[in-house]
Amino acid sequence: MNYTTDFKSIRAEVSAEEWQTRVDLATCYRLVDKYGMTDLIYNHITARIPGSKDHLLINLYGMLYKEITASSLVKIDVEGEIIWKPETDYGINKSGYVIHGAIHKARPDVACVLHTHTRAGIAVSAMKCGLLPLSQTAIRFVGHIGYHDYEGPAVELDERERIVSDLGPHDALVMRNHGLLTCGATIQQAFNTKYQLELSCRSQVDAMAARTELVMLGENVLAHTAHLYQPGTRRPYGVLEWPAMLRLLEAEDRHSGYPPYWH
């Protein structure tokens, strides 16, 4: 079996728009790894290629997130048909296009979708109360998050419409007994939302484990704060943070032993 991960750069073979999307998506994979949101080789982050007809980029099923590079990403359509991939026996995970393809198809405003199975995210997904507004970070999601009941591994196409319906107009979804999903108008924004949702879940699990009375804020404060923390209220998320994240990765890539994300 050919499971090589030493892929040649395809920068000269794709449009400038596709290459930039590939670099940004590879960056996102590396950041998810950096902040402890991976699950071995599982889960997916997808991005829409600008100017294409519903063409998406997704990871090869079998690679670690810290191995992902711009040239290793697979080009698929929203139905999961592979348009291009590197010369390797690695393929893609069906769940990647069942979940992600449905959202990209139904939400033209969405450029990127992230799905994770993290310890804290799974824990909150199993709580009947769902995500509680226990912190400023979590309050961002008050009135702006959906919930999808577990139906088994996401491989059945008829589940697509229910995932889309439960997500609604939001950029965050708790998949009950499963994990977390975020999306956004840009890769940068989708990552920021994922980071904030994960931090909210970790804080909730820690606070509830302390076995002490928790402070619950009033509805007026919650609504006002949630409004102020929406991406379009004051500034879009990801714009200011992204250059700093790139500097962080570039410094670490020099000593990681893995190919740089921009390759």
C-alpha atoms as a PDB file:
ATOM      1  CA  MET A   1       0.000   0.000   0.000  1.00  0.00           C
ATOM      2  CA  ASN A   2       1.217   3.492  -0.843  1.00  0.00           C
ATOM      3  CA  TYR A   3       0.823   5.566   2.298  1.00  0.00           C
ATOM      4  CA  THR A   4       3.550   8.059   1.510  1.00  0.00           C
ATOM      5  CA  THR A   5       3.043  11.625   2.691  1.00  0.00           C
ATOM      6  CA  ASP A   6       5.950  13.151   0.787  1.00  0.00           C
ATOM      7  CA  PHE A   7       3.842  15.068  -1.723  1.00  0.00           C
ATOM      8  CA  LYS A   8       5.226  17.472  -4.302  1.00  0.00           C
ATOM      9  CA  SER A   9       3.964  21.037  -4.270  1.00  0.00           C
ATOM     10  CA  ILE A  10       1.072  21.722  -6.647  1.00  0.00           C
ATOM     11  CA  ARG A  11       1.216  25.496  -6.303  1.00  0.00           C
ATOM     12  CA  ALA A  12       1.966  25.963 -10.020  1.00  0.00           C
ATOM     13  CA  GLU A  13      -0.902  23.631 -11.008  1.00  0.00           C
ATOM     14  CA  VAL A  14      -3.818  25.472  -9.359  1.00  0.00           C
ATOM     15  CA  SER A  15      -5.251  28.975  -9.400  1.00  0.00           C
ATOM     16  CA  ALA A  16      -3.977  31.608  -6.990  1.00  0.00           C
ATOM     17  CA  GLU A  17      -7.361  31.539  -5.224  1.00  0.00           C
ATOM     18  CA  GLU A  18      -7.275  27.784  -4.751  1.00  0.00           C
ATOM     19  CA  TRP A  19      -3.676  27.856  -3.531  1.00  0.00           C
ATOM     20  CA  GLN A  20      -4.444  30.511  -0.920  1.00  0.00           C
ATOM     21  CA  THR A  21      -7.420  28.475   0.280  1.00  0.00           C
ATOM     22  CA  ARG A  22      -5.205  25.407   0.497  1.00  0.00           C
ATOM     23  CA  VAL A  23      -2.626  27.281   2.574  1.00  0.00           C
ATOM     24  CA  ASP A  24      -5.279  28.729   4.898  1.00  0.00           C
ATOM     25  CA  LEU A  25      -6.971  25.347   5.343  1.00  0.00           C
ATOM     26  CA  ALA A  26      -3.663  23.599   6.055  1.00  0.00           C
ATOM     27  CA  THR A  27      -2.992  26.332   8.610  1.00  0.00           C
ATOM     28  CA  CYS A  28      -6.346  25.618  10.219  1.00  0.00           C
ATOM     29  CA  TYR A  29      -5.556  21.898  10.505  1.00  0.00           C
ATOM     30  CA  ARG A  30      -2.244  22.697  12.182  1.00  0.00           C
ATOM     31  CA  LEU A  31      -3.935  25.099  14.621  1.00  0.00           C
ATOM     32  CA  VAL A  32      -6.560  22.536  15.593  1.00  0.00           C
ATOM     33  CA  ASP A  33      -3.679  20.184  16.384  1.00  0.00           C
ATOM     34  CA  LYS A  34      -1.786  22.915  18.226  1.00  0.00           C
ATOM     35  CA  TYR A  35      -4.731  23.625  20.534  1.00  0.00           C
ATOM     36  CA  GLY A  36      -5.476  19.996  21.366  1.00  0.00           C
ATOM     37  CA  MET A  37      -8.663  19.487  19.369  1.00  0.00           C
ATOM     38  CA  THR A  38      -7.675  16.413  17.338  1.00  0.00           C
ATOM     39  CA  ASP A  39      -8.857  12.791  17.532  1.00  0.00           C
ATOM     40  CA  LEU A  40      -6.039  10.659  16.077  1.00  0.00           C
ATOM     41  CA  ILE A  41      -6.646  10.683  12.283  1.00  0.00           C
ATOM     42  CA  TYR A  42     -10.386  11.338  12.530  1.00  0.00           C
ATOM     43  CA  ASN A  43     -12.605  14.376  11.870  1.00  0.00           C
ATOM     44  CA  HIS A  44     -12.488  16.900   9.099  1.00  0.00           C
ATOM     45  CA  ILE A  45     -12.162  20.534   8.177  1.00  0.00           C
ATOM     46  CA  THR A  46     -13.451  21.526   4.751  1.00  0.00           C
ATOM     47  CA  ALA A  47     -13.179  24.727   2.765  1.00  0.00           C
ATOM     48  CA  ARG A  48     -14.949  25.925  -0.360  1.00  0.00           C
ATOM     49  CA  ILE A  49     -12.673  26.840  -3.262  1.00  0.00           C
ATOM     50  CA  PRO A  50     -13.501  30.423  -4.322  1.00  0.00           C
ATOM     51  CA  GLY A  51     -14.940  30.719  -7.800  1.00  0.00           C
ATOM     52  CA  SER A  52     -15.567  26.976  -8.143  1.00  0.00           C
ATOM     53  CA  LYS A  53     -18.885  25.196  -8.530  1.00  0.00           C
ATOM     54  CA  ASP A  54     -19.225  23.732  -5.041  1.00  0.00           C
ATOM     55  CA  HIS A  55     -15.733  22.266  -5.001  1.00  0.00           C
ATOM     56  CA  LEU A  56     -14.319  21.633  -1.552  1.00  0.00           C
ATOM     57  CA  LEU A  57     -10.975  20.774   0.000  1.00  0.00           C
ATOM     58  CA  ILE A  58     -10.722  18.035   2.641  1.00  0.00           C
ATOM     59  CA  ASN A  59      -8.008  16.005   4.355  1.00  0.00           C
ATOM     60  CA  LEU A  60      -6.755  12.592   3.336  1.00  0.00           C
ATOM     61  CA  TYR A  61      -8.181   9.973   5.728  1.00  0.00           C
ATOM     62  CA  GLY A  62      -5.147   8.562   7.480  1.00  0.00           C
ATOM     63  CA  MET A  63      -2.959  11.611   8.044  1.00  0.00           C
ATOM     64  CA  LEU A  64      -2.404  13.442  11.308  1.00  0.00           C
ATOM     65  CA  TYR A  65      -3.509  17.064  11.393  1.00  0.00           C
ATOM     66  CA  LYS A  66       0.086  18.114  12.030  1.00  0.00           C
ATOM     67  CA  GLU A  67       1.053  16.441   8.733  1.00  0.00           C
ATOM     68  CA  ILE A  68      -1.461  18.315   6.576  1.00  0.00           C
ATOM     69  CA  THR A  69      -0.017  20.580   3.908  1.00  0.00           C
ATOM     70  CA  ALA A  70      -1.535  22.724   1.187  1.00  0.00           C
ATOM     71  CA  SER A  71      -0.612  20.142  -1.457  1.00  0.00           C
ATOM     72  CA  SER A  72      -1.933  17.116   0.457  1.00  0.00           C
ATOM     73  CA  LEU A  73      -5.560  18.307   0.508  1.00  0.00           C
ATOM     74  CA  VAL A  74      -8.112  16.484  -1.646  1.00  0.00           C
ATOM     75  CA  LYS A  75     -10.484  18.313  -3.989  1.00  0.00           C
ATOM     76  CA  ILE A  76     -14.042  16.910  -3.908  1.00  0.00           C
ATOM     77  CA  ASP A  77     -17.543  18.024  -4.826  1.00  0.00           C
ATOM     78  CA  VAL A  78     -20.381  18.353  -2.304  1.00  0.00           C
ATOM     79  CA  GLU A  79     -21.501  14.792  -3.065  1.00  0.00           C
ATOM     80  CA  GLY A  80     -18.109  13.396  -2.083  1.00  0.00           C
ATOM     81  CA  GLU A  81     -16.782  12.600  -5.548  1.00  0.00           C
ATOM     82  CA  ILE A  82     -13.007  12.994  -5.680  1.00  0.00           C
ATOM     83  CA  ILE A  83     -11.901  15.451  -8.346  1.00  0.00           C
ATOM     84  CA  TRP A  84      -8.202  15.389  -7.468  1.00  0.00           C
ATOM     85  CA  LYS A  85      -5.975  13.897  -4.805  1.00  0.00           C
ATOM     86  CA  PRO A  86      -2.251  13.202  -4.399  1.00  0.00           C
ATOM     87  CA  GLU A  87      -0.800   9.903  -5.590  1.00  0.00           C
ATOM     88  CA  THR A  88      -1.490   7.837  -2.496  1.00  0.00           C
ATOM     89  CA  ASP A  89      -3.768   5.017  -1.402  1.00  0.00           C
ATOM     90  CA  TYR A  90      -5.246   7.254   1.283  1.00  0.00           C
ATOM     91  CA  GLY A  91      -8.790   8.314   0.440  1.00  0.00           C
ATOM     92  CA  ILE A  92     -11.408  10.368   2.250  1.00  0.00           C
ATOM     93  CA  ASN A  93     -13.804   9.577   5.079  1.00  0.00           C
ATOM     94  CA  LYS A  94     -17.457   9.348   4.015  1.00  0.00           C
ATOM     95  CA  SER A  95     -18.589  11.305   7.081  1.00  0.00           C
ATOM     96  CA  GLY A  96     -16.585  14.225   5.773  1.00  0.00           C
ATOM     97  CA  TYR A  97     -18.919  14.897   2.890  1.00  0.00           C
ATOM     98  CA  VAL A  98     -22.129  13.626   4.504  1.00  0.00           C
ATOM     99  CA  ILE A  99     -21.856  16.283   7.219  1.00  0.00           C
ATOM    100  CA  HIS A 100     -19.773  18.941   5.519  1.00  0.00           C
ATOM    101  CA  GLY A 101     -21.146  18.628   2.008  1.00  0.00           C
ATOM    102  CA  ALA A 102     -24.688  19.098   3.294  1.00  0.00           C
ATOM    103  CA  ILE A 103     -23.806  22.366   5.017  1.00  0.00           C
ATOM    104  CA  HIS A 104     -21.760  23.732   2.126  1.00  0.00           C
ATOM    105  CA  LYS A 105     -24.587  22.882  -0.268  1.00  0.00           C
ATOM    106  CA  ALA A 106     -27.325  24.460   1.865  1.00  0.00           C
ATOM    107  CA  ARG A 107     -25.355  27.459   3.130  1.00  0.00           C
ATOM    108  CA  PRO A 108     -23.619  29.386   0.325  1.00  0.00           C
ATOM    109  CA  ASP A 109     -22.498  31.872   2.997  1.00  0.00           C
ATOM    110  CA  VAL A 110     -20.315  29.188   4.576  1.00  0.00           C
ATOM    111  CA  ALA A 111     -16.741  28.895   3.323  1.00  0.00           C
ATOM    112  CA  CYS A 112     -15.421  26.514   5.994  1.00  0.00           C
ATOM    113  CA  VAL A 113     -16.784  23.769   8.266  1.00  0.00           C
ATOM    114  CA  LEU A 114     -14.950  22.217  11.239  1.00  0.00           C
ATOM    115  CA  HIS A 115     -16.047  19.083  13.082  1.00  0.00           C
ATOM    116  CA  THR A 116     -14.263  17.767  16.188  1.00  0.00           C
ATOM    117  CA  HIS A 117     -14.476  15.038  18.822  1.00  0.00           C
ATOM    118  CA  THR A 118     -12.804  16.631  21.837  1.00  0.00           C
ATOM    119  CA  ARG A 119     -13.008  15.451  25.420  1.00  0.00           C
ATOM    120  CA  ALA A 120     -14.824  18.582  26.611  1.00  0.00           C
ATOM    121  CA  GLY A 121     -16.962  18.869  23.496  1.00  0.00           C
ATOM    122  CA  ILE A 122     -18.167  15.285  23.784  1.00  0.00           C
ATOM    123  CA  ALA A 123     -18.843  15.784  27.493  1.00  0.00           C
ATOM    124  CA  VAL A 124     -21.037  18.845  26.912  1.00  0.00           C
ATOM    125  CA  SER A 125     -22.753  17.146  23.967  1.00  0.00           C
ATOM    126  CA  ALA A 126     -23.861  14.423  26.396  1.00  0.00           C
ATOM    127  CA  MET A 127     -25.257  16.902  28.949  1.00  0.00           C
ATOM    128  CA  LYS A 128     -29.007  17.453  28.787  1.00  0.00           C
ATOM    129  CA  CYS A 129     -28.450  21.117  29.701  1.00  0.00           C
ATOM    130  CA  GLY A 130     -26.197  21.649  26.676  1.00  0.00           C
ATOM    131  CA  LEU A 131     -23.822  24.600  26.668  1.00  0.00           C
ATOM    132  CA  LEU A 132     -24.425  26.853  29.669  1.00  0.00           C
ATOM    133  CA  PRO A 133     -23.662  30.613  29.686  1.00  0.00           C
ATOM    134  CA  LEU A 134     -21.141  30.316  32.512  1.00  0.00           C
ATOM    135  CA  SER A 135     -18.441  32.511  30.978  1.00  0.00           C
ATOM    136  CA  GLN A 136     -18.109  35.495  28.694  1.00  0.00           C
ATOM    137  CA  THR A 137     -16.825  33.112  26.038  1.00  0.00           C
ATOM    138  CA  ALA A 138     -19.858  30.851  26.309  1.00  0.00           C
ATOM    139  CA  ILE A 139     -22.303  33.783  26.310  1.00  0.00           C
ATOM    140  CA  ARG A 140     -21.222  34.456  22.723  1.00  0.00           C
ATOM    141  CA  PHE A 141     -23.323  31.412  21.759  1.00  0.00           C
ATOM    142  CA  VAL A 142     -26.543  32.311  23.601  1.00  0.00           C
ATOM    143  CA  GLY A 143     -29.250  32.213  20.930  1.00  0.00           C
ATOM    144  CA  HIS A 144     -26.626  31.430  18.303  1.00  0.00           C
ATOM    145  CA  ILE A 145     -26.107  27.671  18.527  1.00  0.00           C
ATOM    146  CA  GLY A 146     -28.004  24.617  17.322  1.00  0.00           C
ATOM    147  CA  TYR A 147     -28.366  21.043  18.634  1.00  0.00           C
ATOM    148  CA  HIS A 148     -28.561  17.855  16.578  1.00  0.00           C
ATOM    149  CA  ASP A 149     -29.658  14.566  18.153  1.00  0.00           C
ATOM    150  CA  TYR A 150     -27.427  11.539  17.629  1.00  0.00           C
ATOM    151  CA  GLU A 151     -28.511   9.153  14.872  1.00  0.00           C
ATOM    152  CA  GLY A 152     -25.448   6.906  14.718  1.00  0.00           C
ATOM    153  CA  PRO A 153     -22.237   7.412  12.691  1.00  0.00           C
ATOM    154  CA  ALA A 154     -22.871  10.109  10.088  1.00  0.00           C
ATOM    155  CA  VAL A 155     -22.852   7.952   6.961  1.00  0.00           C
ATOM    156  CA  GLU A 156     -26.519   8.073   5.933  1.00  0.00           C
ATOM    157  CA  LEU A 157     -27.341  10.709   3.340  1.00  0.00           C
ATOM    158  CA  ASP A 158     -30.874  11.261   4.650  1.00  0.00           C
ATOM    159  CA  GLU A 159     -29.422  12.689   7.873  1.00  0.00           C
ATOM    160  CA  ARG A 160     -28.099  15.634   5.889  1.00  0.00           C
ATOM    161  CA  GLU A 161     -31.318  17.642   5.882  1.00  0.00           C
ATOM    162  CA  ARG A 162     -31.729  17.251   9.643  1.00  0.00           C
ATOM    163  CA  ILE A 163     -28.163  18.410  10.301  1.00  0.00           C
ATOM    164  CA  VAL A 164     -28.750  21.469   8.122  1.00  0.00           C
ATOM    165  CA  SER A 165     -32.114  22.166   9.771  1.00  0.00           C
ATOM    166  CA  ASP A 166     -30.689  21.875  13.290  1.00  0.00           C
ATOM    167  CA  LEU A 167     -27.759  24.141  12.449  1.00  0.00           C
ATOM    168  CA  GLY A 168     -30.148  26.701  10.974  1.00  0.00           C
ATOM    169  CA  PRO A 169     -28.577  30.136  10.447  1.00  0.00           C
ATOM    170  CA  HIS A 170     -26.007  29.593  13.197  1.00  0.00           C
ATOM    171  CA  ASP A 171     -22.250  29.051  12.973  1.00  0.00           C
ATOM    172  CA  ALA A 172     -22.123  26.507  15.814  1.00  0.00           C
ATOM    173  CA  LEU A 173     -23.761  23.126  16.377  1.00  0.00           C
ATOM    174  CA  VAL A 174     -23.604  20.695  19.295  1.00  0.00           C
ATOM    175  CA  MET A 175     -23.969  17.193  17.897  1.00  0.00           C
ATOM    176  CA  ARG A 176     -25.493  15.301  20.823  1.00  0.00           C
ATOM    177  CA  ASN A 177     -23.392  12.440  22.220  1.00  0.00           C
ATOM    178  CA  HIS A 178     -20.940  13.079  19.397  1.00  0.00           C
ATOM    179  CA  GLY A 179     -19.014  16.354  19.311  1.00  0.00           C
ATOM    180  CA  LEU A 180     -18.934  19.924  18.055  1.00  0.00           C
ATOM    181  CA  LEU A 181     -19.247  21.631  14.686  1.00  0.00           C
ATOM    182  CA  THR A 182     -18.575  25.211  13.643  1.00  0.00           C
ATOM    183  CA  CYS A 183     -18.625  27.017  10.331  1.00  0.00           C
ATOM    184  CA  GLY A 184     -18.006  30.496   9.020  1.00  0.00           C
ATOM    185  CA  ALA A 185     -17.766  32.894   6.130  1.00  0.00           C
ATOM    186  CA  THR A 186     -13.986  32.438   6.188  1.00  0.00           C
ATOM    187  CA  ILE A 187     -11.594  29.751   7.375  1.00  0.00           C
ATOM    188  CA  GLN A 188     -10.247  32.190   9.923  1.00  0.00           C
ATOM    189  CA  GLN A 189     -13.674  32.952  11.360  1.00  0.00           C
ATOM    190  CA  ALA A 190     -14.683  29.292  11.494  1.00  0.00           C
ATOM    191  CA  PHE A 191     -11.505  28.453  13.438  1.00  0.00           C
ATOM    192  CA  ASN A 192     -12.065  31.320  15.874  1.00  0.00           C
ATOM    193  CA  THR A 193     -15.604  30.102  16.533  1.00  0.00           C
ATOM    194  CA  LYS A 194     -14.327  26.556  17.082  1.00  0.00           C
ATOM    195  CA  TYR A 195     -11.650  27.753  19.490  1.00  0.00           C
ATOM    196  CA  GLN A 196     -14.198  29.790  21.483  1.00  0.00           C
ATOM    197  CA  LEU A 197     -16.742  26.944  21.551  1.00  0.00           C
ATOM    198  CA  GLU A 198     -14.138  24.457  22.704  1.00  0.00           C
ATOM    199  CA  LEU A 199     -12.908  26.858  25.403  1.00  0.00           C
ATOM    200  CA  SER A 200     -16.517  27.315  26.554  1.00  0.00           C
ATOM    201  CA  CYS A 201     -16.966  23.557  26.877  1.00  0.00           C
ATOM    202  CA  ARG A 202     -13.701  23.095  28.763  1.00  0.00           C
ATOM    203  CA  SER A 203     -14.638  25.884  31.164  1.00  0.00           C
ATOM    204  CA  GLN A 204     -18.086  24.389  31.741  1.00  0.00           C
ATOM    205  CA  VAL A 205     -16.718  20.922  32.484  1.00  0.00           C
ATOM    206  CA  ASP A 206     -14.184  22.403  34.918  1.00  0.00           C
ATOM    207  CA  ALA A 207     -16.754  24.605  36.646  1.00  0.00           C
ATOM    208  CA  MET A 208     -19.283  21.786  37.061  1.00  0.00           C
ATOM    209  CA  ALA A 209     -16.568  19.451  38.347  1.00  0.00           C
ATOM    210  CA  ALA A 210     -15.781  21.934  41.138  1.00  0.00           C
ATOM    211  CA  ARG A 211     -19.099  20.979  42.779  1.00  0.00           C
ATOM    212  CA  THR A 212     -19.934  24.473  43.945  1.00  0.00           C
ATOM    213  CA  GLU A 213     -22.839  26.813  43.262  1.00  0.00           C
ATOM    214  CA  LEU A 214     -22.497  28.485  39.880  1.00  0.00           C
ATOM    215  CA  VAL A 215     -23.338  32.090  39.021  1.00  0.00           C
ATOM    216  CA  MET A 216     -26.055  32.397  36.373  1.00  0.00           C
ATOM    217  CA  LEU A 217     -26.488  35.785  34.735  1.00  0.00           C
ATOM    218  CA  GLY A 218     -29.760  37.543  33.898  1.00  0.00           C
ATOM    219  CA  GLU A 219     -31.402  37.295  30.496  1.00  0.00           C
ATOM    220  CA  ASN A 220     -30.808  40.982  29.696  1.00  0.00           C
ATOM    221  CA  VAL A 221     -27.057  40.664  30.268  1.00  0.00           C
ATOM    222  CA  LEU A 222     -26.905  37.440  28.254  1.00  0.00           C
ATOM    223  CA  ALA A 223     -28.726  38.874  25.243  1.00  0.00           C
ATOM    224  CA  HIS A 224     -26.709  42.100  25.254  1.00  0.00           C
ATOM    225  CA  THR A 225     -23.380  40.293  25.563  1.00  0.00           C
ATOM    226  CA  ALA A 226     -24.245  37.695  22.929  1.00  0.00           C
ATOM    227  CA  HIS A 227     -25.089  40.487  20.502  1.00  0.00           C
ATOM    228  CA  LEU A 228     -21.803  42.297  21.135  1.00  0.00           C
ATOM    229  CA  TYR A 229     -19.818  39.130  20.470  1.00  0.00           C
ATOM    230  CA  GLN A 230     -21.349  38.306  17.086  1.00  0.00           C
ATOM    231  CA  PRO A 231     -18.786  38.460  14.260  1.00  0.00           C
ATOM    232  CA  GLY A 232     -20.538  41.306  12.466  1.00  0.00           C
ATOM    233  CA  THR A 233     -21.251  43.547  15.463  1.00  0.00           C
ATOM    234  CA  ARG A 234     -17.820  45.014  16.146  1.00  0.00           C
ATOM    235  CA  ARG A 235     -15.303  43.252  13.914  1.00  0.00           C
ATOM    236  CA  PRO A 236     -15.081  39.961  12.000  1.00  0.00           C
ATOM    237  CA  TYR A 237     -13.246  37.228  13.865  1.00  0.00           C
ATOM    238  CA  GLY A 238      -9.990  35.837  12.556  1.00  0.00           C
ATOM    239  CA  VAL A 239      -8.705  38.932  10.760  1.00  0.00           C
ATOM    240  CA  LEU A 240      -6.633  40.251  13.650  1.00  0.00           C
ATOM    241  CA  GLU A 241      -5.754  36.833  15.119  1.00  0.00           C
ATOM    242  CA  TRP A 242      -4.612  35.045  11.960  1.00  0.00           C
ATOM    243  CA  PRO A 243      -1.231  36.749  11.351  1.00  0.00           C
ATOM    244  CA  ALA A 244      -0.229  36.001  14.942  1.00  0.00           C
ATOM    245  CA  MET A 245      -1.252  32.360  14.490  1.00  0.00           C
ATOM    246  CA  LEU A 246       0.844  32.169  11.311  1.00  0.00           C
ATOM    247  CA  ARG A 247       3.889  33.511  13.147  1.00  0.00           C
ATOM    248  CA  LEU A 248       3.348  30.911  15.864  1.00  0.00           C
ATOM    249  CA  LEU A 249       3.181  28.027  13.390  1.00  0.00           C
ATOM    250  CA  GLU A 250       6.105  29.242  11.317  1.00  0.00           C
ATOM    251  CA  ALA A 251       8.317  29.417  14.392  1.00  0.00           C
ATOM    252  CA  GLU A 252       7.320  25.917  15.489  1.00  0.00           C
ATOM    253  CA  ASP A 253       7.543  24.376  12.003  1.00  0.00           C
ATOM    254  CA  ARG A 254      11.281  25.036  11.920  1.00  0.00           C
ATOM    255  CA  HIS A 255      11.798  22.378  14.597  1.00  0.00           C
ATOM    256  CA  SER A 256       8.775  20.092  14.169  1.00  0.00           C
ATOM    257  CA  GLY A 257      10.197  17.559  11.739  1.00  0.00           C
ATOM    258  CA  TYR A 258       7.007  17.815   9.662  1.00  0.00           C
ATOM    259  CA  PRO A 259       6.741  19.518   6.264  1.00  0.00           C
ATOM    260  CA  PRO A 260       5.646  23.164   6.475  1.00  0.00           C
ATOM    261  CA  TYR A 261       1.923  23.736   6.094  1.00  0.00           C
ATOM    262  CA  TRP A 262       2.488  25.988   3.082  1.00  0.00           C
ATOM    263  CA  HIS A 263       4.145  23.218   1.036  1.00  0.00           C
END
